[in-house]
Amino acid sequence: MEFNWNWFMGVDFRGRWLITRGQAYFEVSEDNSLISGVMCLGDACTKDSEIYAKFFGKVSDDSEVVVTVASTTEDVPPFEVSGTMFGAESENEISYTFVLTDGTTVLGFSRHSTL
């Protein structure tokens, strides 16, 4: 399945937060245990958009998420972040949010849909 998400990333750089945001294109495995995709700057992202970073990871049965992020900039090494996914459903809406960190970088994804 494919989904579009919002994302933000905050990075501690010499005691100052640098914050970036955009849209992400997600692919989720049939059993919902694997995720991968791309992060784009701005308000639209498809698998053919200009890519800011790529990511791939796992979601455990207890909603723990571990993701490796690889920048498209060659001098930035890949990094791993982890955290918990939260979801909420009502009759007409569904939303998911997860905030991941490695201690100095914070990466958040969110998705809200009307059913």
N, C-alpha and C. Protein backbone atom coordinates (compact mmCIF):
# COMPACT_ATOMS: atom_id res chain seq x y z
N MET A 1 0.83 -1.18 0.00
CA MET A 1 0.00 0.00 0.00
C MET A 1 0.88 1.24 0.00
N GLU A 2 0.37 2.34 -0.50
CA GLU A 2 1.10 3.59 -0.58
C GLU A 2 0.35 4.67 0.16
N PHE A 3 1.09 5.54 0.85
CA PHE A 3 0.49 6.60 1.62
C PHE A 3 1.33 7.86 1.53
N ASN A 4 0.69 9.02 1.63
CA ASN A 4 1.39 10.28 1.75
C ASN A 4 1.29 10.76 3.19
N TRP A 5 2.39 11.22 3.74
CA TRP A 5 2.48 11.66 5.13
C TRP A 5 3.12 13.05 5.17
N ASN A 6 2.90 13.77 6.26
CA ASN A 6 3.65 14.97 6.57
C ASN A 6 4.84 14.56 7.42
N TRP A 7 5.93 15.30 7.32
CA TRP A 7 7.09 15.00 8.17
C TRP A 7 7.77 16.30 8.60
N PHE A 8 8.50 16.22 9.71
CA PHE A 8 9.40 17.29 10.13
C PHE A 8 10.65 16.64 10.70
N MET A 9 11.76 17.37 10.65
CA MET A 9 12.98 16.88 11.26
C MET A 9 13.66 18.06 11.95
N GLY A 10 14.00 17.86 13.20
CA GLY A 10 14.77 18.83 13.96
C GLY A 10 16.12 18.24 14.29
N VAL A 11 17.17 18.99 13.99
CA VAL A 11 18.53 18.51 14.21
C VAL A 11 19.26 19.52 15.09
N ASP A 12 19.89 19.04 16.15
CA ASP A 12 20.69 19.90 17.01
C ASP A 12 22.03 20.14 16.31
N PHE A 13 22.27 21.39 15.94
CA PHE A 13 23.52 21.75 15.26
C PHE A 13 24.20 22.85 16.07
N ARG A 14 25.23 22.47 16.80
CA ARG A 14 25.99 23.41 17.62
C ARG A 14 25.10 24.19 18.59
N GLY A 15 24.17 23.49 19.22
CA GLY A 15 23.30 24.10 20.22
C GLY A 15 22.11 24.86 19.66
N ARG A 16 21.86 24.74 18.36
CA ARG A 16 20.70 25.40 17.73
C ARG A 16 19.92 24.34 16.97
N TRP A 17 18.60 24.46 17.00
CA TRP A 17 17.75 23.52 16.27
C TRP A 17 17.58 23.98 14.83
N LEU A 18 17.89 23.13 13.89
CA LEU A 18 17.58 23.33 12.48
C LEU A 18 16.36 22.48 12.18
N ILE A 19 15.32 23.07 11.63
CA ILE A 19 14.07 22.35 11.41
C ILE A 19 13.71 22.37 9.93
N THR A 20 13.37 21.20 9.41
CA THR A 20 13.00 21.00 8.02
C THR A 20 11.67 20.26 8.00
N ARG A 21 10.88 20.46 6.95
CA ARG A 21 9.60 19.77 6.88
C ARG A 21 9.22 19.53 5.43
N GLY A 22 8.22 18.65 5.24
CA GLY A 22 7.74 18.38 3.90
C GLY A 22 6.73 17.25 3.88
N GLN A 23 6.64 16.60 2.74
CA GLN A 23 5.76 15.46 2.55
C GLN A 23 6.62 14.22 2.35
N ALA A 24 6.07 13.08 2.74
CA ALA A 24 6.77 11.80 2.54
C ALA A 24 5.86 10.84 1.78
N TYR A 25 6.47 10.07 0.95
CA TYR A 25 5.79 9.01 0.20
C TYR A 25 6.17 7.70 0.87
N PHE A 26 5.18 6.98 1.41
CA PHE A 26 5.39 5.74 2.16
C PHE A 26 4.95 4.54 1.35
N GLU A 27 5.67 3.44 1.51
CA GLU A 27 5.20 2.13 1.09
C GLU A 27 5.21 1.25 2.34
N VAL A 28 4.12 0.52 2.54
CA VAL A 28 3.96 -0.33 3.72
C VAL A 28 3.72 -1.76 3.26
N SER A 29 4.40 -2.72 3.89
CA SER A 29 4.23 -4.12 3.50
C SER A 29 2.83 -4.60 3.86
N GLU A 30 2.42 -5.69 3.25
CA GLU A 30 1.08 -6.26 3.47
C GLU A 30 0.80 -6.53 4.95
N ASP A 31 1.80 -6.97 5.69
CA ASP A 31 1.60 -7.28 7.10
C ASP A 31 1.89 -6.08 8.02
N ASN A 32 2.11 -4.90 7.42
CA ASN A 32 2.37 -3.64 8.15
C ASN A 32 3.64 -3.66 8.99
N SER A 33 4.57 -4.56 8.71
CA SER A 33 5.78 -4.64 9.53
C SER A 33 6.98 -3.91 8.92
N LEU A 34 6.94 -3.62 7.63
CA LEU A 34 8.05 -2.94 6.97
C LEU A 34 7.55 -1.66 6.33
N ILE A 35 8.34 -0.60 6.47
CA ILE A 35 8.02 0.66 5.81
C ILE A 35 9.24 1.14 5.05
N SER A 36 9.01 1.86 3.98
CA SER A 36 10.09 2.48 3.23
C SER A 36 9.49 3.64 2.46
N GLY A 37 10.35 4.51 2.00
CA GLY A 37 9.84 5.62 1.22
C GLY A 37 10.85 6.73 1.06
N VAL A 38 10.34 7.88 0.65
CA VAL A 38 11.17 9.04 0.41
C VAL A 38 10.55 10.25 1.09
N MET A 39 11.41 11.17 1.46
CA MET A 39 10.98 12.43 2.05
C MET A 39 11.32 13.54 1.06
N CYS A 40 10.34 14.42 0.82
CA CYS A 40 10.51 15.53 -0.11
C CYS A 40 10.25 16.84 0.63
N LEU A 41 10.90 17.89 0.19
CA LEU A 41 10.61 19.22 0.74
C LEU A 41 9.35 19.75 0.08
N GLY A 42 8.59 20.55 0.78
CA GLY A 42 7.41 21.15 0.18
C GLY A 42 6.14 20.38 0.45
N ASP A 43 5.11 20.68 -0.35
CA ASP A 43 3.76 20.19 -0.08
C ASP A 43 3.31 19.03 -0.95
N ALA A 44 4.20 18.43 -1.72
CA ALA A 44 3.82 17.28 -2.55
C ALA A 44 4.99 16.32 -2.63
N CYS A 45 4.68 15.02 -2.66
CA CYS A 45 5.73 14.02 -2.77
C CYS A 45 5.18 12.76 -3.43
N THR A 46 5.83 12.35 -4.48
CA THR A 46 5.54 11.08 -5.13
C THR A 46 6.87 10.35 -5.29
N LYS A 47 6.81 9.11 -5.72
CA LYS A 47 8.08 8.39 -5.90
C LYS A 47 8.92 8.99 -7.02
N ASP A 48 8.36 9.92 -7.80
CA ASP A 48 9.10 10.58 -8.87
C ASP A 48 9.54 12.00 -8.51
N SER A 49 9.24 12.48 -7.29
CA SER A 49 9.62 13.83 -6.86
C SER A 49 11.11 13.92 -6.56
N GLU A 50 11.62 15.16 -6.47
CA GLU A 50 12.99 15.36 -6.03
C GLU A 50 13.10 14.94 -4.57
N ILE A 51 14.04 14.09 -4.26
CA ILE A 51 14.12 13.44 -2.96
C ILE A 51 15.08 14.18 -2.04
N TYR A 52 14.63 14.44 -0.80
CA TYR A 52 15.46 15.02 0.25
C TYR A 52 16.22 13.90 0.98
N ALA A 53 15.51 12.81 1.29
CA ALA A 53 16.12 11.65 1.96
C ALA A 53 15.27 10.43 1.69
N LYS A 54 15.89 9.25 1.83
CA LYS A 54 15.18 7.97 1.73
C LYS A 54 15.18 7.34 3.12
N PHE A 55 14.19 6.48 3.38
CA PHE A 55 14.14 5.80 4.66
C PHE A 55 13.59 4.39 4.48
N PHE A 56 13.95 3.52 5.41
CA PHE A 56 13.40 2.16 5.46
C PHE A 56 13.46 1.69 6.90
N GLY A 57 12.53 0.84 7.27
CA GLY A 57 12.55 0.38 8.65
C GLY A 57 11.50 -0.67 8.95
N LYS A 58 11.37 -0.95 10.25
CA LYS A 58 10.47 -1.99 10.74
C LYS A 58 9.54 -1.41 11.78
N VAL A 59 8.33 -1.99 11.83
CA VAL A 59 7.35 -1.67 12.86
C VAL A 59 7.04 -2.99 13.57
N SER A 60 7.25 -3.02 14.88
CA SER A 60 7.00 -4.26 15.63
C SER A 60 5.52 -4.37 15.98
N ASP A 61 5.14 -5.53 16.51
CA ASP A 61 3.76 -5.77 16.92
C ASP A 61 3.29 -4.81 18.01
N ASP A 62 4.22 -4.31 18.82
CA ASP A 62 3.84 -3.36 19.88
C ASP A 62 4.07 -1.90 19.47
N SER A 63 4.07 -1.64 18.14
CA SER A 63 4.14 -0.30 17.55
C SER A 63 5.48 0.40 17.71
N GLU A 64 6.53 -0.33 18.06
CA GLU A 64 7.86 0.27 18.10
C GLU A 64 8.39 0.36 16.67
N VAL A 65 8.96 1.51 16.33
CA VAL A 65 9.42 1.78 14.97
C VAL A 65 10.93 2.05 15.01
N VAL A 66 11.68 1.43 14.10
CA VAL A 66 13.10 1.70 13.93
C VAL A 66 13.30 1.99 12.45
N VAL A 67 13.86 3.17 12.16
CA VAL A 67 14.01 3.61 10.77
C VAL A 67 15.44 4.06 10.53
N THR A 68 15.99 3.70 9.38
CA THR A 68 17.27 4.21 8.91
C THR A 68 16.98 5.26 7.85
N VAL A 69 17.60 6.43 8.01
CA VAL A 69 17.41 7.54 7.08
C VAL A 69 18.71 7.77 6.33
N ALA A 70 18.62 7.87 5.01
CA ALA A 70 19.79 8.12 4.17
C ALA A 70 19.57 9.40 3.38
N SER A 71 20.40 10.39 3.62
CA SER A 71 20.32 11.66 2.90
C SER A 71 20.77 11.48 1.46
N THR A 72 20.29 12.33 0.59
CA THR A 72 20.76 12.31 -0.79
C THR A 72 22.07 13.06 -0.93
N THR A 73 22.50 13.76 0.12
CA THR A 73 23.78 14.45 0.15
C THR A 73 24.86 13.45 0.53
N GLU A 74 25.87 13.31 -0.31
CA GLU A 74 26.87 12.27 -0.12
C GLU A 74 27.67 12.39 1.17
N ASP A 75 27.87 13.61 1.68
CA ASP A 75 28.71 13.76 2.87
C ASP A 75 27.95 13.59 4.19
N VAL A 76 26.66 13.25 4.11
CA VAL A 76 25.86 13.00 5.31
C VAL A 76 25.67 11.49 5.46
N PRO A 77 26.21 10.89 6.51
CA PRO A 77 26.07 9.44 6.68
C PRO A 77 24.64 9.05 7.06
N PRO A 78 24.20 7.84 6.74
CA PRO A 78 22.89 7.36 7.19
C PRO A 78 22.83 7.34 8.71
N PHE A 79 21.63 7.49 9.26
CA PHE A 79 21.46 7.44 10.70
C PHE A 79 20.18 6.69 11.03
N GLU A 80 20.14 6.15 12.25
CA GLU A 80 18.98 5.37 12.71
C GLU A 80 18.27 6.11 13.83
N VAL A 81 16.95 6.15 13.74
CA VAL A 81 16.11 6.75 14.78
C VAL A 81 15.03 5.75 15.17
N SER A 82 14.51 5.88 16.39
CA SER A 82 13.49 4.94 16.84
C SER A 82 12.49 5.64 17.74
N GLY A 83 11.33 5.00 17.89
CA GLY A 83 10.27 5.54 18.74
C GLY A 83 9.03 4.68 18.62
N THR A 84 7.89 5.25 19.01
CA THR A 84 6.63 4.52 19.04
C THR A 84 5.62 5.17 18.11
N MET A 85 4.84 4.36 17.40
CA MET A 85 3.76 4.85 16.55
C MET A 85 2.47 4.88 17.35
N PHE A 86 1.72 5.96 17.19
CA PHE A 86 0.43 6.12 17.85
C PHE A 86 -0.64 6.25 16.79
N GLY A 87 -1.77 5.61 17.01
CA GLY A 87 -2.87 5.70 16.07
C GLY A 87 -4.18 5.96 16.78
N ALA A 88 -5.09 6.60 16.07
CA ALA A 88 -6.42 6.86 16.62
C ALA A 88 -7.43 6.71 15.50
N GLU A 89 -8.55 6.08 15.82
CA GLU A 89 -9.62 5.88 14.85
C GLU A 89 -10.94 6.29 15.44
N SER A 90 -11.77 6.89 14.60
CA SER A 90 -13.16 7.15 14.97
C SER A 90 -14.01 6.65 13.81
N GLU A 91 -15.29 6.91 13.85
CA GLU A 91 -16.16 6.46 12.76
C GLU A 91 -15.72 6.99 11.41
N ASN A 92 -15.29 8.24 11.38
CA ASN A 92 -15.02 8.90 10.10
C ASN A 92 -13.56 9.27 9.87
N GLU A 93 -12.70 9.08 10.85
CA GLU A 93 -11.32 9.55 10.72
C GLU A 93 -10.34 8.53 11.26
N ILE A 94 -9.14 8.60 10.71
CA ILE A 94 -8.04 7.78 11.21
C ILE A 94 -6.78 8.63 11.15
N SER A 95 -5.96 8.54 12.17
CA SER A 95 -4.70 9.28 12.15
C SER A 95 -3.60 8.45 12.78
N TYR A 96 -2.39 8.67 12.29
CA TYR A 96 -1.20 8.01 12.80
C TYR A 96 -0.12 9.06 12.99
N THR A 97 0.64 8.91 14.05
CA THR A 97 1.76 9.80 14.33
C THR A 97 2.88 8.98 14.93
N PHE A 98 4.10 9.25 14.50
CA PHE A 98 5.23 8.72 15.25
C PHE A 98 6.38 9.71 15.23
N VAL A 99 7.02 9.80 16.38
CA VAL A 99 8.16 10.69 16.57
C VAL A 99 9.34 9.80 16.94
N LEU A 100 10.40 9.92 16.16
CA LEU A 100 11.57 9.07 16.29
C LEU A 100 12.78 9.93 16.66
N THR A 101 13.71 9.37 17.42
CA THR A 101 14.89 10.14 17.79
C THR A 101 16.09 9.23 17.98
N ASP A 102 17.27 9.83 17.89
CA ASP A 102 18.50 9.15 18.25
C ASP A 102 19.21 9.92 19.36
N GLY A 103 18.55 10.91 19.92
CA GLY A 103 19.11 11.72 20.99
C GLY A 103 19.47 13.13 20.55
N THR A 104 19.85 13.31 19.29
CA THR A 104 20.17 14.64 18.78
C THR A 104 19.33 15.03 17.57
N THR A 105 18.70 14.06 16.94
CA THR A 105 17.83 14.31 15.80
C THR A 105 16.44 13.83 16.15
N VAL A 106 15.42 14.60 15.79
CA VAL A 106 14.03 14.23 16.01
C VAL A 106 13.35 14.20 14.65
N LEU A 107 12.73 13.08 14.31
CA LEU A 107 12.03 12.92 13.04
C LEU A 107 10.60 12.52 13.34
N GLY A 108 9.65 13.29 12.85
CA GLY A 108 8.24 12.99 13.09
C GLY A 108 7.48 12.81 11.79
N PHE A 109 6.56 11.86 11.78
CA PHE A 109 5.67 11.62 10.65
C PHE A 109 4.24 11.66 11.17
N SER A 110 3.33 12.20 10.37
CA SER A 110 1.91 12.17 10.74
C SER A 110 1.06 12.03 9.49
N ARG A 111 -0.10 11.39 9.69
CA ARG A 111 -1.06 11.19 8.60
C ARG A 111 -2.45 11.23 9.20
N HIS A 112 -3.34 11.97 8.56
CA HIS A 112 -4.72 12.08 9.01
C HIS A 112 -5.62 11.90 7.79
N SER A 113 -6.59 11.00 7.89
CA SER A 113 -7.48 10.73 6.76
C SER A 113 -8.92 10.68 7.21
N THR A 114 -9.79 11.17 6.35
CA THR A 114 -11.22 11.03 6.56
C THR A 114 -11.67 9.78 5.82
N LEU A 115 -12.40 8.92 6.51
CA LEU A 115 -12.84 7.66 5.91
C LEU A 115 -14.10 7.85 5.09
